[in-house]
Structure formats: C-alpha cells, structure tokens
C-alpha cells in the first residue's frame, strides 16, 4: 500500500504524527549569538487557529519574541528560525 500524502505543514497533520517544531534564536548581541531555543506549543496554536493553520516561517515567526534576548521575529530573514523535528 502507498504512503499517505498530505501537506506536512498543516497543524493537524503535525499533531497527528507527533512532530515537534523547534524555535531557535540566532540574534547577535555584543558579538555573540543568543542561541536560545524552545519547542513551539502546537496545542496552543490548535486552540487559537485550528487544525488547518499552516506552520510556515512567515505565518508563525512574526508572532514570536525570544524570551532570553528579546529579539522579535520578522517574516523573512530574521533572527528567529523554525526547525521541524521528525518523531522517533
């Protein structure tokens, strides 16, 4: 039987298959990279936006701010980045 095909960036699909989304801050402060990271609260996003919400850099990052250095997320090429973690 073939693999199921769906858009991996939809929140419902990420939750169903137990993916995680890591947020990483690469802001430069005083010559050093912040380096703070945390996992995105997918259940919170589900309650707020629904299962069809797309987890993409330009839809999520502008809502974020680093809790360590205060850097703000911007839609493109900003200091805050997303990384999808495949379930083990």
C-alpha atoms as a PDB file:
ATOM      1  CA  UNK A   1       0.000   0.000   0.000  1.00  0.00           C
ATOM      2  CA  UNK A   2       1.221   3.541  -0.774  1.00  0.00           C
ATOM      3  CA  UNK A   3       2.186   6.192   1.711  1.00  0.00           C
ATOM      4  CA  UNK A   4      -0.433   8.708   2.737  1.00  0.00           C
ATOM      5  CA  UNK A   5       0.014  12.061   1.084  1.00  0.00           C
ATOM      6  CA  UNK A   6      -0.726  15.338   2.837  1.00  0.00           C
ATOM      7  CA  UNK A   7       0.739  18.739   3.495  1.00  0.00           C
ATOM      8  CA  UNK A   8       3.163  18.306   6.357  1.00  0.00           C
ATOM      9  CA  UNK A   9       2.958  21.957   7.354  1.00  0.00           C
ATOM     10  CA  UNK A  10      -0.707  21.815   8.410  1.00  0.00           C
ATOM     11  CA  UNK A  11      -1.022  21.902  12.175  1.00  0.00           C
ATOM     12  CA  UNK A  12      -3.476  18.986  12.291  1.00  0.00           C
ATOM     13  CA  UNK A  13      -1.050  16.753  10.404  1.00  0.00           C
ATOM     14  CA  UNK A  14       1.870  17.729  12.616  1.00  0.00           C
ATOM     15  CA  UNK A  15      -0.121  16.918  15.754  1.00  0.00           C
ATOM     16  CA  UNK A  16      -1.473  13.656  14.345  1.00  0.00           C
ATOM     17  CA  UNK A  17       2.003  12.366  13.554  1.00  0.00           C
ATOM     18  CA  UNK A  18       3.664  13.758  16.724  1.00  0.00           C
ATOM     19  CA  UNK A  19       6.008  16.211  15.003  1.00  0.00           C
ATOM     20  CA  UNK A  20       7.604  18.984  17.041  1.00  0.00           C
ATOM     21  CA  UNK A  21       8.662  22.432  15.902  1.00  0.00           C
ATOM     22  CA  UNK A  22      11.843  23.872  17.406  1.00  0.00           C
ATOM     23  CA  UNK A  23      12.261  27.642  17.566  1.00  0.00           C
ATOM     24  CA  UNK A  24      15.835  28.924  17.547  1.00  0.00           C
ATOM     25  CA  UNK A  25      17.090  32.474  18.134  1.00  0.00           C
ATOM     26  CA  UNK A  26      20.154  33.459  16.119  1.00  0.00           C
ATOM     27  CA  UNK A  27      20.152  37.130  17.128  1.00  0.00           C
ATOM     28  CA  UNK A  28      23.550  38.739  17.508  1.00  0.00           C
ATOM     29  CA  UNK A  29      24.141  40.661  20.735  1.00  0.00           C
ATOM     30  CA  UNK A  30      27.530  42.111  21.635  1.00  0.00           C
ATOM     31  CA  UNK A  31      29.271  39.829  19.148  1.00  0.00           C
ATOM     32  CA  UNK A  32      27.609  36.647  20.417  1.00  0.00           C
ATOM     33  CA  UNK A  33      24.708  34.608  19.094  1.00  0.00           C
ATOM     34  CA  UNK A  34      21.807  34.310  21.545  1.00  0.00           C
ATOM     35  CA  UNK A  35      21.303  30.575  20.870  1.00  0.00           C
ATOM     36  CA  UNK A  36      18.112  30.262  22.934  1.00  0.00           C
ATOM     37  CA  UNK A  37      15.738  27.534  21.740  1.00  0.00           C
ATOM     38  CA  UNK A  38      12.338  26.176  22.709  1.00  0.00           C
ATOM     39  CA  UNK A  39       9.610  23.974  21.286  1.00  0.00           C
ATOM     40  CA  UNK A  40       6.548  25.617  19.797  1.00  0.00           C
ATOM     41  CA  UNK A  41       3.343  24.895  21.748  1.00  0.00           C
ATOM     42  CA  UNK A  42       1.334  23.218  18.976  1.00  0.00           C
ATOM     43  CA  UNK A  43      -1.690  22.592  21.220  1.00  0.00           C
ATOM     44  CA  UNK A  44      -1.939  26.311  21.953  1.00  0.00           C
ATOM     45  CA  UNK A  45      -1.819  27.073  18.230  1.00  0.00           C
ATOM     46  CA  UNK A  46      -4.512  24.443  17.607  1.00  0.00           C
ATOM     47  CA  UNK A  47      -6.827  26.107  20.127  1.00  0.00           C
ATOM     48  CA  UNK A  48      -6.134  29.571  18.749  1.00  0.00           C
ATOM     49  CA  UNK A  49      -6.052  28.956  14.982  1.00  0.00           C
ATOM     50  CA  UNK A  50      -7.493  25.479  14.308  1.00  0.00           C
ATOM     51  CA  UNK A  51      -6.149  22.338  12.686  1.00  0.00           C
ATOM     52  CA  UNK A  52      -5.868  23.826   9.180  1.00  0.00           C
ATOM     53  CA  UNK A  53      -3.380  26.506  10.292  1.00  0.00           C
ATOM     54  CA  UNK A  54      -0.147  26.243   8.307  1.00  0.00           C
ATOM     55  CA  UNK A  55       3.082  26.188  10.272  1.00  0.00           C
ATOM     56  CA  UNK A  56       5.371  28.163   7.998  1.00  0.00           C
ATOM     57  CA  UNK A  57       8.064  30.692   8.780  1.00  0.00           C
ATOM     58  CA  UNK A  58       6.012  33.668   7.593  1.00  0.00           C
ATOM     59  CA  UNK A  59       2.847  32.593   9.476  1.00  0.00           C
ATOM     60  CA  UNK A  60       4.435  31.814  12.863  1.00  0.00           C
ATOM     61  CA  UNK A  61       7.695  33.700  13.363  1.00  0.00           C
ATOM     62  CA  UNK A  62       6.229  37.248  13.258  1.00  0.00           C
ATOM     63  CA  UNK A  63       4.215  36.317  16.398  1.00  0.00           C
ATOM     64  CA  UNK A  64       7.332  35.339  18.350  1.00  0.00           C
ATOM     65  CA  UNK A  65       9.832  37.099  20.582  1.00  0.00           C
ATOM     66  CA  UNK A  66      12.873  35.463  22.185  1.00  0.00           C
ATOM     67  CA  UNK A  67      12.346  35.123  25.931  1.00  0.00           C
ATOM     68  CA  UNK A  68      16.095  35.352  26.550  1.00  0.00           C
ATOM     69  CA  UNK A  69      17.286  38.352  24.499  1.00  0.00           C
ATOM     70  CA  UNK A  70      14.019  39.957  23.358  1.00  0.00           C
ATOM     71  CA  UNK A  71      14.648  39.645  19.597  1.00  0.00           C
ATOM     72  CA  UNK A  72      11.454  39.918  17.566  1.00  0.00           C
ATOM     73  CA  UNK A  73      10.530  37.533  14.795  1.00  0.00           C
ATOM     74  CA  UNK A  74      10.137  39.005  11.322  1.00  0.00           C
ATOM     75  CA  UNK A  75       8.524  37.346   8.296  1.00  0.00           C
ATOM     76  CA  UNK A  76      11.717  36.795   6.279  1.00  0.00           C
ATOM     77  CA  UNK A  77      15.433  36.503   7.137  1.00  0.00           C
ATOM     78  CA  UNK A  78      15.086  37.464  10.757  1.00  0.00           C
ATOM     79  CA  UNK A  79      16.940  36.122  13.794  1.00  0.00           C
ATOM     80  CA  UNK A  80      14.248  33.601  14.815  1.00  0.00           C
ATOM     81  CA  UNK A  81      14.081  30.333  12.897  1.00  0.00           C
ATOM     82  CA  UNK A  82      11.864  27.242  12.841  1.00  0.00           C
ATOM     83  CA  UNK A  83      13.015  23.641  12.535  1.00  0.00           C
ATOM     84  CA  UNK A  84      10.717  20.637  12.144  1.00  0.00           C
ATOM     85  CA  UNK A  85      11.577  17.676  14.390  1.00  0.00           C
ATOM     86  CA  UNK A  86      10.608  14.284  12.981  1.00  0.00           C
ATOM     87  CA  UNK A  87       9.046  11.901  15.522  1.00  0.00           C
ATOM     88  CA  UNK A  88      11.232   8.998  16.592  1.00  0.00           C
END
